[in-house]
C-alpha atoms as a PDB file:
ATOM      1  CA  MET A   1      13.933 -14.648 -36.174  1.00  0.00           C
ATOM      2  CA  ALA A   2      17.287 -15.807 -37.557  1.00  0.00           C
ATOM      3  CA  ALA A   3      17.095 -18.993 -35.476  1.00  0.00           C
ATOM      4  CA  SER A   4      13.667 -19.881 -36.875  1.00  0.00           C
ATOM      5  CA  LYS A   5      14.968 -19.391 -40.448  1.00  0.00           C
ATOM      6  CA  LEU A   6      17.889 -21.690 -39.714  1.00  0.00           C
ATOM      7  CA  VAL A   7      15.581 -24.364 -38.278  1.00  0.00           C
ATOM      8  CA  PHE A   8      13.314 -24.045 -41.329  1.00  0.00           C
ATOM      9  CA  VAL A   9      16.287 -24.416 -43.700  1.00  0.00           C
ATOM     10  CA  LEU A  10      17.516 -27.494 -41.833  1.00  0.00           C
ATOM     11  CA  VAL A  11      14.062 -29.123 -41.848  1.00  0.00           C
ATOM     12  CA  VAL A  12      13.646 -28.495 -45.588  1.00  0.00           C
ATOM     13  CA  MET A  13      17.088 -29.923 -46.336  1.00  0.00           C
ATOM     14  CA  VAL A  14      16.461 -33.049 -44.217  1.00  0.00           C
ATOM     15  CA  VAL A  15      13.100 -33.698 -45.884  1.00  0.00           C
ATOM     16  CA  ALA A  16      14.597 -33.152 -49.357  1.00  0.00           C
ATOM     17  CA  SER A  17      17.521 -35.476 -48.671  1.00  0.00           C
ATOM     18  CA  LEU A  18      15.182 -38.193 -47.326  1.00  0.00           C
ATOM     19  CA  GLN A  19      13.094 -37.934 -50.510  1.00  0.00           C
ATOM     20  CA  LEU A  20      16.222 -38.209 -52.623  1.00  0.00           C
ATOM     21  CA  GLN A  21      17.506 -41.204 -50.625  1.00  0.00           C
ATOM     22  CA  SER A  22      14.256 -43.159 -50.932  1.00  0.00           C
ATOM     23  CA  THR A  23      14.007 -42.394 -54.644  1.00  0.00           C
ATOM     24  CA  VAL A  24      17.586 -43.365 -55.457  1.00  0.00           C
ATOM     25  CA  ALA A  25      17.222 -46.622 -53.511  1.00  0.00           C
ATOM     26  CA  GLN A  26      14.598 -47.900 -55.980  1.00  0.00           C
ATOM     27  CA  THR A  27      16.076 -49.106 -59.263  1.00  0.00           C
ATOM     28  CA  ARG A  28      14.288 -50.190 -62.438  1.00  0.00           C
ATOM     29  CA  HIS A  29      16.199 -53.138 -63.932  1.00  0.00           C
ATOM     30  CA  VAL A  30      15.525 -53.792 -67.636  1.00  0.00           C
ATOM     31  CA  VAL A  31      15.943 -57.574 -67.804  1.00  0.00           C
ATOM     32  CA  ALA A  32      18.784 -58.473 -70.207  1.00  0.00           C
ATOM     33  CA  ASP A  33      18.926 -54.844 -71.354  1.00  0.00           C
ATOM     34  CA  ALA A  34      18.311 -54.524 -75.131  1.00  0.00           C
ATOM     35  CA  PHE A  35      17.948 -58.313 -75.611  1.00  0.00           C
ATOM     36  CA  GLY A  36      14.804 -58.314 -73.496  1.00  0.00           C
ATOM     37  CA  TRP A  37      12.812 -61.328 -72.315  1.00  0.00           C
ATOM     38  CA  ASN A  38      13.278 -63.732 -75.234  1.00  0.00           C
ATOM     39  CA  ILE A  39      14.644 -67.226 -75.886  1.00  0.00           C
ATOM     40  CA  PRO A  40      18.403 -66.780 -75.537  1.00  0.00           C
ATOM     41  CA  SER A  41      20.972 -68.224 -77.927  1.00  0.00           C
ATOM     42  CA  ALA A  42      23.386 -68.717 -75.002  1.00  0.00           C
ATOM     43  CA  ALA A  43      22.301 -70.564 -71.862  1.00  0.00           C
ATOM     44  CA  ASP A  44      23.993 -68.049 -69.565  1.00  0.00           C
ATOM     45  CA  THR A  45      22.402 -64.890 -71.044  1.00  0.00           C
ATOM     46  CA  TYR A  46      20.205 -64.134 -68.025  1.00  0.00           C
ATOM     47  CA  THR A  47      22.732 -65.361 -65.449  1.00  0.00           C
ATOM     48  CA  THR A  48      25.396 -63.111 -66.943  1.00  0.00           C
ATOM     49  CA  TRP A  49      23.030 -60.150 -66.964  1.00  0.00           C
ATOM     50  CA  ALA A  50      21.926 -60.738 -63.345  1.00  0.00           C
ATOM     51  CA  SER A  51      25.536 -61.056 -62.140  1.00  0.00           C
ATOM     52  CA  GLY A  52      26.097 -57.417 -63.070  1.00  0.00           C
ATOM     53  CA  GLN A  53      23.050 -56.176 -61.139  1.00  0.00           C
ATOM     54  CA  THR A  54      22.335 -55.419 -57.500  1.00  0.00           C
ATOM     55  CA  PHE A  55      18.741 -56.100 -56.464  1.00  0.00           C
ATOM     56  CA  ALA A  56      17.010 -54.694 -53.377  1.00  0.00           C
ATOM     57  CA  VAL A  57      13.481 -54.700 -51.972  1.00  0.00           C
ATOM     58  CA  GLY A  58      11.572 -51.897 -53.707  1.00  0.00           C
ATOM     59  CA  ASP A  59      13.412 -52.294 -57.018  1.00  0.00           C
ATOM     60  CA  SER A  60      11.512 -53.448 -60.094  1.00  0.00           C
ATOM     61  CA  LEU A  61      12.241 -55.786 -62.983  1.00  0.00           C
ATOM     62  CA  PHE A  62      11.118 -54.683 -66.444  1.00  0.00           C
ATOM     63  CA  PHE A  63      10.529 -57.716 -68.691  1.00  0.00           C
ATOM     64  CA  ASN A  64      10.364 -56.542 -72.307  1.00  0.00           C
ATOM     65  CA  PHE A  65       8.410 -59.102 -74.337  1.00  0.00           C
ATOM     66  CA  THR A  66       5.608 -59.326 -76.855  1.00  0.00           C
ATOM     67  CA  THR A  67       2.206 -60.426 -75.541  1.00  0.00           C
ATOM     68  CA  GLY A  68       1.320 -63.862 -76.866  1.00  0.00           C
ATOM     69  CA  PHE A  69       4.942 -64.890 -77.474  1.00  0.00           C
ATOM     70  CA  HIS A  70       6.138 -64.961 -73.857  1.00  0.00           C
ATOM     71  CA  ASP A  71       5.069 -64.481 -70.258  1.00  0.00           C
ATOM     72  CA  VAL A  72       6.762 -64.016 -66.875  1.00  0.00           C
ATOM     73  CA  THR A  73       5.994 -66.642 -64.255  1.00  0.00           C
ATOM     74  CA  GLU A  74       7.512 -66.554 -60.783  1.00  0.00           C
ATOM     75  CA  VAL A  75       8.042 -70.075 -59.449  1.00  0.00           C
ATOM     76  CA  SER A  76       9.622 -71.799 -56.452  1.00  0.00           C
ATOM     77  CA  GLN A  77      13.217 -73.001 -56.459  1.00  0.00           C
ATOM     78  CA  ALA A  78      11.981 -76.591 -56.821  1.00  0.00           C
ATOM     79  CA  ALA A  79       9.981 -75.664 -59.942  1.00  0.00           C
ATOM     80  CA  TYR A  80      12.758 -73.527 -61.463  1.00  0.00           C
ATOM     81  CA  GLY A  81      15.255 -76.269 -62.410  1.00  0.00           C
ATOM     82  CA  PRO A  82      12.795 -78.595 -64.193  1.00  0.00           C
ATOM     83  CA  CYS A  83      10.712 -75.649 -65.506  1.00  0.00           C
ATOM     84  CA  THR A  84       7.529 -76.778 -63.746  1.00  0.00           C
ATOM     85  CA  ILE A  85       4.535 -74.428 -63.758  1.00  0.00           C
ATOM     86  CA  ALA A  86       2.045 -76.463 -61.709  1.00  0.00           C
ATOM     87  CA  SER A  87       2.021 -74.034 -58.731  1.00  0.00           C
ATOM     88  CA  PRO A  88       3.203 -70.607 -59.899  1.00  0.00           C
ATOM     89  CA  ILE A  89       3.702 -67.836 -57.341  1.00  0.00           C
ATOM     90  CA  ASN A  90       2.689 -65.170 -59.853  1.00  0.00           C
ATOM     91  CA  SER A  91       2.226 -64.935 -63.606  1.00  0.00           C
ATOM     92  CA  VAL A  92       2.057 -61.964 -65.988  1.00  0.00           C
ATOM     93  CA  THR A  93       0.929 -62.686 -69.533  1.00  0.00           C
ATOM     94  CA  THR A  94       0.742 -59.161 -70.942  1.00  0.00           C
ATOM     95  CA  GLY A  95       3.995 -57.605 -72.071  1.00  0.00           C
ATOM     96  CA  PRO A  96       5.974 -55.659 -71.430  1.00  0.00           C
ATOM     97  CA  ALA A  97       5.669 -56.368 -67.696  1.00  0.00           C
ATOM     98  CA  THR A  98       7.031 -54.768 -64.549  1.00  0.00           C
ATOM     99  CA  VAL A  99       7.501 -56.862 -61.412  1.00  0.00           C
ATOM    100  CA  THR A 100       8.200 -55.088 -58.109  1.00  0.00           C
ATOM    101  CA  LEU A 101      10.602 -56.888 -55.772  1.00  0.00           C
ATOM    102  CA  ARG A 102       8.745 -56.927 -52.438  1.00  0.00           C
ATOM    103  CA  THR A 103      10.649 -59.528 -50.389  1.00  0.00           C
ATOM    104  CA  PRO A 104      14.334 -60.317 -49.854  1.00  0.00           C
ATOM    105  CA  GLY A 105      15.810 -63.666 -50.870  1.00  0.00           C
ATOM    106  CA  ASN A 106      16.028 -65.710 -54.044  1.00  0.00           C
ATOM    107  CA  HIS A 107      13.392 -65.176 -56.739  1.00  0.00           C
ATOM    108  CA  TYR A 108      12.899 -67.436 -59.756  1.00  0.00           C
ATOM    109  CA  TYR A 109      11.299 -66.346 -63.042  1.00  0.00           C
ATOM    110  CA  ILE A 110      10.587 -68.452 -66.120  1.00  0.00           C
ATOM    111  CA  CYS A 111       8.700 -68.182 -69.391  1.00  0.00           C
ATOM    112  CA  SER A 112       5.974 -70.826 -69.264  1.00  0.00           C
ATOM    113  CA  VAL A 113       5.192 -70.684 -72.998  1.00  0.00           C
ATOM    114  CA  GLY A 114       6.094 -73.903 -74.815  1.00  0.00           C
ATOM    115  CA  ALA A 115       9.649 -75.081 -74.162  1.00  0.00           C
ATOM    116  CA  HIS A 116      11.010 -71.559 -73.672  1.00  0.00           C
ATOM    117  CA  CYS A 117      12.125 -72.207 -70.083  1.00  0.00           C
ATOM    118  CA  ARG A 118      13.927 -75.430 -71.048  1.00  0.00           C
ATOM    119  CA  SER A 119      15.557 -73.411 -73.843  1.00  0.00           C
ATOM    120  CA  GLY A 120      17.085 -71.073 -71.266  1.00  0.00           C
ATOM    121  CA  GLN A 121      14.452 -68.345 -70.848  1.00  0.00           C
ATOM    122  CA  LYS A 122      14.665 -68.232 -67.081  1.00  0.00           C
ATOM    123  CA  LEU A 123      16.109 -65.879 -64.510  1.00  0.00           C
ATOM    124  CA  THR A 124      17.116 -66.280 -60.887  1.00  0.00           C
ATOM    125  CA  ILE A 125      18.056 -63.340 -58.685  1.00  0.00           C
ATOM    126  CA  ASN A 126      18.898 -62.691 -55.044  1.00  0.00           C
ATOM    127  CA  VAL A 127      17.128 -59.669 -53.581  1.00  0.00           C
ATOM    128  CA  GLY A 128      18.711 -57.917 -50.612  1.00  0.00           C
ATOM    129  CA  ALA A 129      16.710 -56.090 -47.954  1.00  0.00           C
ATOM    130  CA  ALA A 130      15.968 -52.432 -48.735  1.00  0.00           C
ATOM    131  CA  GLY A 131      19.265 -50.565 -48.816  1.00  0.00           C
ATOM    132  CA  THR A 132      21.398 -53.742 -49.045  1.00  0.00           C
ATOM    133  CA  ALA A 133      22.732 -55.664 -51.992  1.00  0.00           C
ATOM    134  CA  GLY A 134      21.696 -59.126 -53.118  1.00  0.00           C
ATOM    135  CA  THR A 135      23.955 -61.409 -55.116  1.00  0.00           C
ATOM    136  CA  PRO A 136      22.859 -63.624 -57.993  1.00  0.00           C
ATOM    137  CA  PRO A 137      22.533 -67.337 -57.169  1.00  0.00           C
ATOM    138  CA  PRO A 138      24.521 -69.834 -59.249  1.00  0.00           C
ATOM    139  CA  SER A 139      23.230 -70.780 -62.692  1.00  0.00           C
ATOM    140  CA  THR A 140      21.271 -73.961 -63.234  1.00  0.00           C
ATOM    141  CA  SER A 141      20.165 -73.280 -66.793  1.00  0.00           C
ATOM    142  CA  SER A 142      20.787 -75.680 -69.650  1.00  0.00           C
ATOM    143  CA  PRO A 143      21.950 -74.672 -73.121  1.00  0.00           C
ATOM    144  CA  ALA A 144      19.409 -73.572 -75.698  1.00  0.00           C
ATOM    145  CA  PRO A 145      18.829 -76.040 -78.518  1.00  0.00           C
ATOM    146  CA  ALA A 146      20.361 -75.215 -81.861  1.00  0.00           C
ATOM    147  CA  GLY A 147      18.066 -73.393 -84.253  1.00  0.00           C
ATOM    148  CA  SER A 148      15.595 -72.207 -81.609  1.00  0.00           C
ATOM    149  CA  MET A 149      13.154 -69.655 -82.961  1.00  0.00           C
ATOM    150  CA  MET A 150      12.886 -66.231 -81.439  1.00  0.00           C
ATOM    151  CA  PRO A 151       9.928 -63.899 -82.075  1.00  0.00           C
ATOM    152  CA  PRO A 152      10.590 -60.342 -83.164  1.00  0.00           C
ATOM    153  CA  PRO A 153      11.877 -58.309 -80.223  1.00  0.00           C
ATOM    154  CA  SER A 154       9.563 -55.915 -78.464  1.00  0.00           C
ATOM    155  CA  PRO A 155      10.301 -52.233 -78.847  1.00  0.00           C
ATOM    156  CA  PRO A 156      12.763 -50.945 -76.246  1.00  0.00           C
ATOM    157  CA  PRO A 157      11.395 -49.147 -73.192  1.00  0.00           C
ATOM    158  CA  PRO A 158      10.998 -45.398 -73.597  1.00  0.00           C
ATOM    159  CA  ALA A 159      14.209 -43.487 -73.036  1.00  0.00           C
ATOM    160  CA  GLY A 160      14.653 -41.721 -69.747  1.00  0.00           C
ATOM    161  CA  ASN A 161      12.509 -44.098 -67.671  1.00  0.00           C
ATOM    162  CA  ALA A 162      15.346 -45.455 -65.516  1.00  0.00           C
ATOM    163  CA  SER A 163      14.224 -43.364 -62.526  1.00  0.00           C
ATOM    164  CA  PRO A 164      11.236 -41.199 -63.400  1.00  0.00           C
ATOM    165  CA  SER A 165      10.664 -40.151 -59.798  1.00  0.00           C
ATOM    166  CA  PHE A 166      14.327 -39.102 -59.451  1.00  0.00           C
ATOM    167  CA  THR A 167      13.893 -36.438 -62.127  1.00  0.00           C
ATOM    168  CA  ALA A 168      10.945 -35.029 -60.193  1.00  0.00           C
ATOM    169  CA  VAL A 169      12.776 -34.976 -56.849  1.00  0.00           C
ATOM    170  CA  VAL A 170      15.903 -33.125 -57.972  1.00  0.00           C
ATOM    171  CA  PRO A 171      14.075 -29.951 -59.108  1.00  0.00           C
ATOM    172  CA  ALA A 172      11.899 -30.097 -55.984  1.00  0.00           C
ATOM    173  CA  THR A 173      15.026 -30.299 -53.825  1.00  0.00           C
ATOM    174  CA  PHE A 174      16.589 -27.269 -55.501  1.00  0.00           C
ATOM    175  CA  LEU A 175      13.312 -25.371 -55.276  1.00  0.00           C
ATOM    176  CA  ALA A 176      13.055 -26.133 -51.556  1.00  0.00           C
ATOM    177  CA  ALA A 177      16.649 -25.028 -50.975  1.00  0.00           C
ATOM    178  CA  ALA A 178      16.084 -21.805 -52.951  1.00  0.00           C
ATOM    179  CA  LEU A 179      12.905 -21.045 -51.005  1.00  0.00           C
ATOM    180  CA  ALA A 180      14.710 -21.695 -47.740  1.00  0.00           C
ATOM    181  CA  PHE A 181      17.511 -19.273 -48.558  1.00  0.00           C
ATOM    182  CA  PHE A 182      15.247 -16.531 -49.926  1.00  0.00           C
ATOM    183  CA  TYR A 183      12.506 -16.937 -47.315  1.00  0.00           C
END
């Protein structure tokens, strides 16, 4: 009887730790933090932000922008530099938008509204395989023109949404451990 309890406790702990590992591995990145997805005043705004991040398959990018003022368009590397939108990979026009990173490698995002991309509203990231770290590619953005207009910022994302599933897993893990010990 004691051996079966021990096996049960070990199985519960393994399952709980696997849940915790898979949940922690997925990160929600708020693009440019409080600045959001807007026309930057400095050409390196998005490059600087991305350099402080680690991106992996399964993570998501949260682009905070106002519908009608901006969009998020994923493009090829060839289209990124000249801000070409002839053959987009994906486009989201309703903000705020969440993009899930599904494949490793370099990913290129621009705003296709007006001259926003040429004004510096573009982001390039390097996504590592699940559980590994990607590094940001070098910047190719040009400086924003003086006096560029920026629409009012979108409201910030709700507090506490960095890892909503993490907050559900921790209590479940403790509950499973408590049940295992009192079973």
